[in-house]
Amino acid sequence: MSSDSEVEMDIKPVVEEEIFVKPAKKKRQLTDKQKEALANGRMKAKAKRDAVKAKEAEQVAMKKLKKEQKDIEKAAAVEARNKQGKKEKLSQQELAREKVRKMEYDRKYKKYNDKKTEILGKCESVAQFDTINRILSNVSEEDIMDSDKLKHKLHSYIEHTKKYYKNKLGN
């Protein structure tokens, strides 16, 4: 091959239609068995998806139920604490009320005993002292706590004593 030699080539005209025209392939047709298998596969996949959705829905429902139960338990616990607090407050109030009652009782009882001692101290004889002491010893604690009842009872004792001495001295 020398440099002088010329290479000959045949140049053919290009036909564009021939290059790009391809015969259309036939659409693939599935057999009946393949169609049944495909339908079964789709049904199984749908069943799996439905099962997953149902499981997720069940889990969501369980979470919601558990949350509601926790809320109910919390509410019950709060209510129990409130009841306990109310009981404690009531018991504290009852203790305070009892303390006030005791103080009132002590005050009234001391006042009665002071008056009794004052009256007995004014007695002129032992017989008078014994008589008045016997009369005042009939006064109960219930009478001492109710001032109206105490006044009525003492008044009746005084009237009885006046009548007794009037009859005794008058005879």
C-alpha atoms as a PDB file:
ATOM      1  CA  MET A   1       0.000   0.000   0.000  1.00  0.00           C
ATOM      2  CA  SER A   2       1.476   2.949  -1.088  1.00  0.00           C
ATOM      3  CA  SER A   3       0.492   6.407  -0.349  1.00  0.00           C
ATOM      4  CA  ASP A   4      -0.385   7.037  -3.929  1.00  0.00           C
ATOM      5  CA  SER A   5      -2.945   4.495  -4.195  1.00  0.00           C
ATOM      6  CA  GLU A   6      -6.407   5.441  -3.692  1.00  0.00           C
ATOM      7  CA  VAL A   7      -8.871   3.482  -1.836  1.00  0.00           C
ATOM      8  CA  GLU A   8     -12.101   3.065  -3.441  1.00  0.00           C
ATOM      9  CA  MET A   9     -15.287   2.860  -1.551  1.00  0.00           C
ATOM     10  CA  ASP A  10     -18.717   2.503  -2.612  1.00  0.00           C
ATOM     11  CA  ILE A  11     -20.924   5.150  -1.181  1.00  0.00           C
ATOM     12  CA  LYS A  12     -24.540   4.266  -1.074  1.00  0.00           C
ATOM     13  CA  PRO A  13     -27.203   6.797  -0.571  1.00  0.00           C
ATOM     14  CA  VAL A  14     -28.780   6.674   2.937  1.00  0.00           C
ATOM     15  CA  VAL A  15     -32.430   5.995   3.120  1.00  0.00           C
ATOM     16  CA  GLU A  16     -33.739   7.223   6.393  1.00  0.00           C
ATOM     17  CA  GLU A  17     -36.849   5.192   6.386  1.00  0.00           C
ATOM     18  CA  GLU A  18     -34.992   1.992   6.173  1.00  0.00           C
ATOM     19  CA  ILE A  19     -32.885   2.713   9.258  1.00  0.00           C
ATOM     20  CA  PHE A  20     -35.650   3.664  11.691  1.00  0.00           C
ATOM     21  CA  VAL A  21     -38.447   1.496  10.589  1.00  0.00           C
ATOM     22  CA  LYS A  22     -38.713  -1.472  12.848  1.00  0.00           C
ATOM     23  CA  PRO A  23     -41.351  -4.019  12.707  1.00  0.00           C
ATOM     24  CA  ALA A  24     -43.788  -3.643  15.641  1.00  0.00           C
ATOM     25  CA  LYS A  25     -43.619  -6.455  18.092  1.00  0.00           C
ATOM     26  CA  LYS A  26     -46.713  -8.326  18.935  1.00  0.00           C
ATOM     27  CA  LYS A  27     -48.188  -7.561  22.353  1.00  0.00           C
ATOM     28  CA  ARG A  28     -47.332 -10.325  24.700  1.00  0.00           C
ATOM     29  CA  GLN A  29     -50.352 -12.394  25.595  1.00  0.00           C
ATOM     30  CA  LEU A  30     -50.554 -14.232  28.925  1.00  0.00           C
ATOM     31  CA  THR A  31     -51.890 -17.693  29.054  1.00  0.00           C
ATOM     32  CA  ASP A  32     -54.912 -18.465  31.215  1.00  0.00           C
ATOM     33  CA  LYS A  33     -52.710 -20.196  33.770  1.00  0.00           C
ATOM     34  CA  GLN A  34     -50.459 -17.129  33.950  1.00  0.00           C
ATOM     35  CA  LYS A  35     -53.502 -14.869  34.307  1.00  0.00           C
ATOM     36  CA  GLU A  36     -54.801 -17.005  37.187  1.00  0.00           C
ATOM     37  CA  ALA A  37     -51.390 -16.967  38.890  1.00  0.00           C
ATOM     38  CA  LEU A  38     -51.186 -13.178  38.471  1.00  0.00           C
ATOM     39  CA  ALA A  39     -54.703 -12.728  39.890  1.00  0.00           C
ATOM     40  CA  ASN A  40     -53.841 -15.017  42.844  1.00  0.00           C
ATOM     41  CA  GLY A  41     -50.625 -13.063  43.477  1.00  0.00           C
ATOM     42  CA  ARG A  42     -52.500  -9.767  43.428  1.00  0.00           C
ATOM     43  CA  MET A  43     -55.121 -11.152  45.800  1.00  0.00           C
ATOM     44  CA  LYS A  44     -52.430 -12.388  48.209  1.00  0.00           C
ATOM     45  CA  ALA A  45     -50.605  -9.044  48.087  1.00  0.00           C
ATOM     46  CA  LYS A  46     -53.892  -7.222  48.725  1.00  0.00           C
ATOM     47  CA  ALA A  47     -54.635  -9.585  51.614  1.00  0.00           C
ATOM     48  CA  LYS A  48     -51.183  -8.881  53.084  1.00  0.00           C
ATOM     49  CA  ARG A  49     -51.659  -5.133  52.711  1.00  0.00           C
ATOM     50  CA  ASP A  50     -55.103  -5.380  54.324  1.00  0.00           C
ATOM     51  CA  ALA A  51     -53.663  -7.494  57.155  1.00  0.00           C
ATOM     52  CA  VAL A  52     -50.906  -4.932  57.755  1.00  0.00           C
ATOM     53  CA  LYS A  53     -53.478  -2.103  57.706  1.00  0.00           C
ATOM     54  CA  ALA A  54     -55.730  -4.025  60.116  1.00  0.00           C
ATOM     55  CA  LYS A  55     -52.775  -4.737  62.418  1.00  0.00           C
ATOM     56  CA  GLU A  56     -51.743  -1.074  62.381  1.00  0.00           C
ATOM     57  CA  ALA A  57     -55.345  -0.016  63.047  1.00  0.00           C
ATOM     58  CA  GLU A  58     -55.504  -2.500  65.935  1.00  0.00           C
ATOM     59  CA  GLN A  59     -52.235  -1.173  67.351  1.00  0.00           C
ATOM     60  CA  VAL A  60     -53.518   2.392  67.082  1.00  0.00           C
ATOM     61  CA  ALA A  61     -56.754   1.354  68.776  1.00  0.00           C
ATOM     62  CA  MET A  62     -54.796  -0.438  71.548  1.00  0.00           C
ATOM     63  CA  LYS A  63     -52.590   2.624  72.070  1.00  0.00           C
ATOM     64  CA  LYS A  64     -55.679   4.811  72.245  1.00  0.00           C
ATOM     65  CA  LEU A  65     -57.345   2.389  74.673  1.00  0.00           C
ATOM     66  CA  LYS A  66     -54.218   2.236  76.847  1.00  0.00           C
ATOM     67  CA  LYS A  67     -54.003   6.036  76.829  1.00  0.00           C
ATOM     68  CA  GLU A  68     -57.658   6.291  77.856  1.00  0.00           C
ATOM     69  CA  GLN A  69     -57.065   3.745  80.634  1.00  0.00           C
ATOM     70  CA  LYS A  70     -54.043   5.710  81.842  1.00  0.00           C
ATOM     71  CA  ASP A  71     -56.107   8.903  81.771  1.00  0.00           C
ATOM     72  CA  ILE A  72     -58.841   7.187  83.779  1.00  0.00           C
ATOM     73  CA  GLU A  73     -56.260   5.857  86.258  1.00  0.00           C
ATOM     74  CA  LYS A  74     -54.688   9.310  86.561  1.00  0.00           C
ATOM     75  CA  ALA A  75     -58.112  10.865  87.129  1.00  0.00           C
ATOM     76  CA  ALA A  76     -58.890   8.205  89.745  1.00  0.00           C
ATOM     77  CA  ALA A  77     -55.535   8.817  91.429  1.00  0.00           C
ATOM     78  CA  VAL A  78     -56.126  12.579  91.438  1.00  0.00           C
ATOM     79  CA  GLU A  79     -59.613  12.035  92.824  1.00  0.00           C
ATOM     80  CA  ALA A  80     -58.228   9.696  95.488  1.00  0.00           C
ATOM     81  CA  ARG A  81     -55.598  12.277  96.416  1.00  0.00           C
ATOM     82  CA  ASN A  82     -58.300  14.952  96.554  1.00  0.00           C
ATOM     83  CA  LYS A  83     -60.460  12.723  98.757  1.00  0.00           C
ATOM     84  CA  GLN A  84     -57.468  12.012 100.983  1.00  0.00           C
ATOM     85  CA  GLY A  85     -56.724  15.726 101.139  1.00  0.00           C
ATOM     86  CA  LYS A  86     -60.359  16.443 101.975  1.00  0.00           C
ATOM     87  CA  LYS A  87     -60.289  13.738 104.650  1.00  0.00           C
ATOM     88  CA  GLU A  88     -57.108  15.214 106.077  1.00  0.00           C
ATOM     89  CA  LYS A  89     -58.632  18.687 105.998  1.00  0.00           C
ATOM     90  CA  LEU A  90     -61.801  17.375 107.613  1.00  0.00           C
ATOM     91  CA  SER A  91     -59.824  15.491 110.229  1.00  0.00           C
ATOM     92  CA  GLN A  92     -57.764  18.630 110.897  1.00  0.00           C
ATOM     93  CA  GLN A  93     -60.956  20.652 111.119  1.00  0.00           C
ATOM     94  CA  GLU A  94     -62.475  18.051 113.425  1.00  0.00           C
ATOM     95  CA  LEU A  95     -59.365  18.156 115.594  1.00  0.00           C
ATOM     96  CA  ALA A  96     -59.544  21.951 115.709  1.00  0.00           C
ATOM     97  CA  ARG A  97     -63.271  21.797 116.476  1.00  0.00           C
ATOM     98  CA  GLU A  98     -62.637  19.258 119.237  1.00  0.00           C
ATOM     99  CA  LYS A  99     -59.885  21.438 120.655  1.00  0.00           C
ATOM    100  CA  VAL A 100     -62.241  24.433 120.703  1.00  0.00           C
ATOM    101  CA  ARG A 101     -64.954  22.315 122.354  1.00  0.00           C
ATOM    102  CA  LYS A 102     -62.500  21.156 124.993  1.00  0.00           C
ATOM    103  CA  MET A 103     -61.354  24.722 125.640  1.00  0.00           C
ATOM    104  CA  GLU A 104     -64.988  25.853 125.916  1.00  0.00           C
ATOM    105  CA  TYR A 105     -65.769  22.936 128.230  1.00  0.00           C
ATOM    106  CA  ASP A 106     -62.740  23.707 130.416  1.00  0.00           C
ATOM    107  CA  ARG A 107     -63.637  27.404 130.530  1.00  0.00           C
ATOM    108  CA  LYS A 108     -67.270  26.737 131.519  1.00  0.00           C
ATOM    109  CA  TYR A 109     -66.330  24.040 134.038  1.00  0.00           C
ATOM    110  CA  LYS A 110     -63.678  26.303 135.619  1.00  0.00           C
ATOM    111  CA  LYS A 111     -66.168  29.182 135.782  1.00  0.00           C
ATOM    112  CA  TYR A 112     -68.726  26.908 137.497  1.00  0.00           C
ATOM    113  CA  ASN A 113     -66.161  25.580 139.967  1.00  0.00           C
ATOM    114  CA  ASP A 114     -64.978  29.131 140.740  1.00  0.00           C
ATOM    115  CA  LYS A 115     -68.568  30.244 141.448  1.00  0.00           C
ATOM    116  CA  LYS A 116     -69.200  27.104 143.506  1.00  0.00           C
ATOM    117  CA  THR A 117     -66.049  27.727 145.541  1.00  0.00           C
ATOM    118  CA  GLU A 118     -67.025  31.389 146.009  1.00  0.00           C
ATOM    119  CA  ILE A 119     -70.528  30.439 147.217  1.00  0.00           C
ATOM    120  CA  LEU A 120     -69.222  27.708 149.523  1.00  0.00           C
ATOM    121  CA  GLY A 121     -66.651  30.134 150.915  1.00  0.00           C
ATOM    122  CA  LYS A 122     -69.463  32.473 152.032  1.00  0.00           C
ATOM    123  CA  CYS A 123     -71.112  29.768 154.137  1.00  0.00           C
ATOM    124  CA  GLU A 124     -71.408  30.601 157.838  1.00  0.00           C
ATOM    125  CA  SER A 125     -71.699  27.072 159.210  1.00  0.00           C
ATOM    126  CA  VAL A 126     -70.636  23.538 158.410  1.00  0.00           C
ATOM    127  CA  ALA A 127     -74.261  22.455 158.078  1.00  0.00           C
ATOM    128  CA  GLN A 128     -74.932  25.234 155.568  1.00  0.00           C
ATOM    129  CA  PHE A 129     -71.743  24.283 153.693  1.00  0.00           C
ATOM    130  CA  ASP A 130     -72.781  20.581 153.563  1.00  0.00           C
ATOM    131  CA  THR A 131     -76.308  21.440 152.416  1.00  0.00           C
ATOM    132  CA  ILE A 132     -75.207  23.787 149.613  1.00  0.00           C
ATOM    133  CA  ASN A 133     -72.420  21.379 148.574  1.00  0.00           C
ATOM    134  CA  ARG A 134     -74.955  18.490 148.364  1.00  0.00           C
ATOM    135  CA  ILE A 135     -77.272  20.651 146.234  1.00  0.00           C
ATOM    136  CA  LEU A 136     -74.488  21.839 143.884  1.00  0.00           C
ATOM    137  CA  SER A 137     -73.094  18.341 143.512  1.00  0.00           C
ATOM    138  CA  ASN A 138     -76.387  17.353 141.797  1.00  0.00           C
ATOM    139  CA  VAL A 139     -75.492  19.637 138.870  1.00  0.00           C
ATOM    140  CA  SER A 140     -74.287  17.490 135.958  1.00  0.00           C
ATOM    141  CA  GLU A 141     -71.664  18.316 133.320  1.00  0.00           C
ATOM    142  CA  GLU A 142     -74.437  18.567 130.759  1.00  0.00           C
ATOM    143  CA  ASP A 143     -76.084  21.247 132.896  1.00  0.00           C
ATOM    144  CA  ILE A 144     -72.799  23.110 133.211  1.00  0.00           C
ATOM    145  CA  MET A 145     -72.304  23.153 129.417  1.00  0.00           C
ATOM    146  CA  ASP A 146     -75.785  24.592 128.779  1.00  0.00           C
ATOM    147  CA  SER A 147     -75.934  27.906 130.607  1.00  0.00           C
ATOM    148  CA  ASP A 148     -79.734  28.236 130.308  1.00  0.00           C
ATOM    149  CA  LYS A 149     -80.227  24.778 131.731  1.00  0.00           C
ATOM    150  CA  LEU A 150     -77.780  25.553 134.542  1.00  0.00           C
ATOM    151  CA  LYS A 151     -79.583  28.814 135.431  1.00  0.00           C
ATOM    152  CA  HIS A 152     -82.950  27.039 135.434  1.00  0.00           C
ATOM    153  CA  LYS A 153     -81.682  24.193 137.606  1.00  0.00           C
ATOM    154  CA  LEU A 154     -79.945  26.508 140.100  1.00  0.00           C
ATOM    155  CA  HIS A 155     -83.042  28.711 140.231  1.00  0.00           C
ATOM    156  CA  SER A 156     -85.208  25.686 141.032  1.00  0.00           C
ATOM    157  CA  TYR A 157     -82.749  24.602 143.787  1.00  0.00           C
ATOM    158  CA  ILE A 158     -82.799  28.097 145.285  1.00  0.00           C
ATOM    159  CA  GLU A 159     -86.611  28.239 145.227  1.00  0.00           C
ATOM    160  CA  HIS A 160     -86.804  24.777 146.777  1.00  0.00           C
ATOM    161  CA  THR A 161     -84.339  25.768 149.505  1.00  0.00           C
ATOM    162  CA  LYS A 162     -86.236  29.001 150.221  1.00  0.00           C
ATOM    163  CA  LYS A 163     -89.488  27.060 150.584  1.00  0.00           C
ATOM    164  CA  TYR A 164     -87.805  24.458 152.781  1.00  0.00           C
ATOM    165  CA  TYR A 165     -86.359  27.026 155.188  1.00  0.00           C
ATOM    166  CA  LYS A 166     -89.564  29.079 155.133  1.00  0.00           C
ATOM    167  CA  ASN A 167     -91.562  26.017 156.119  1.00  0.00           C
ATOM    168  CA  LYS A 168     -88.964  24.957 158.673  1.00  0.00           C
ATOM    169  CA  LEU A 169     -88.719  28.403 160.281  1.00  0.00           C
ATOM    170  CA  GLY A 170     -92.403  29.082 159.964  1.00  0.00           C
ATOM    171  CA  ASN A 171     -93.358  26.010 161.997  1.00  0.00           C
END
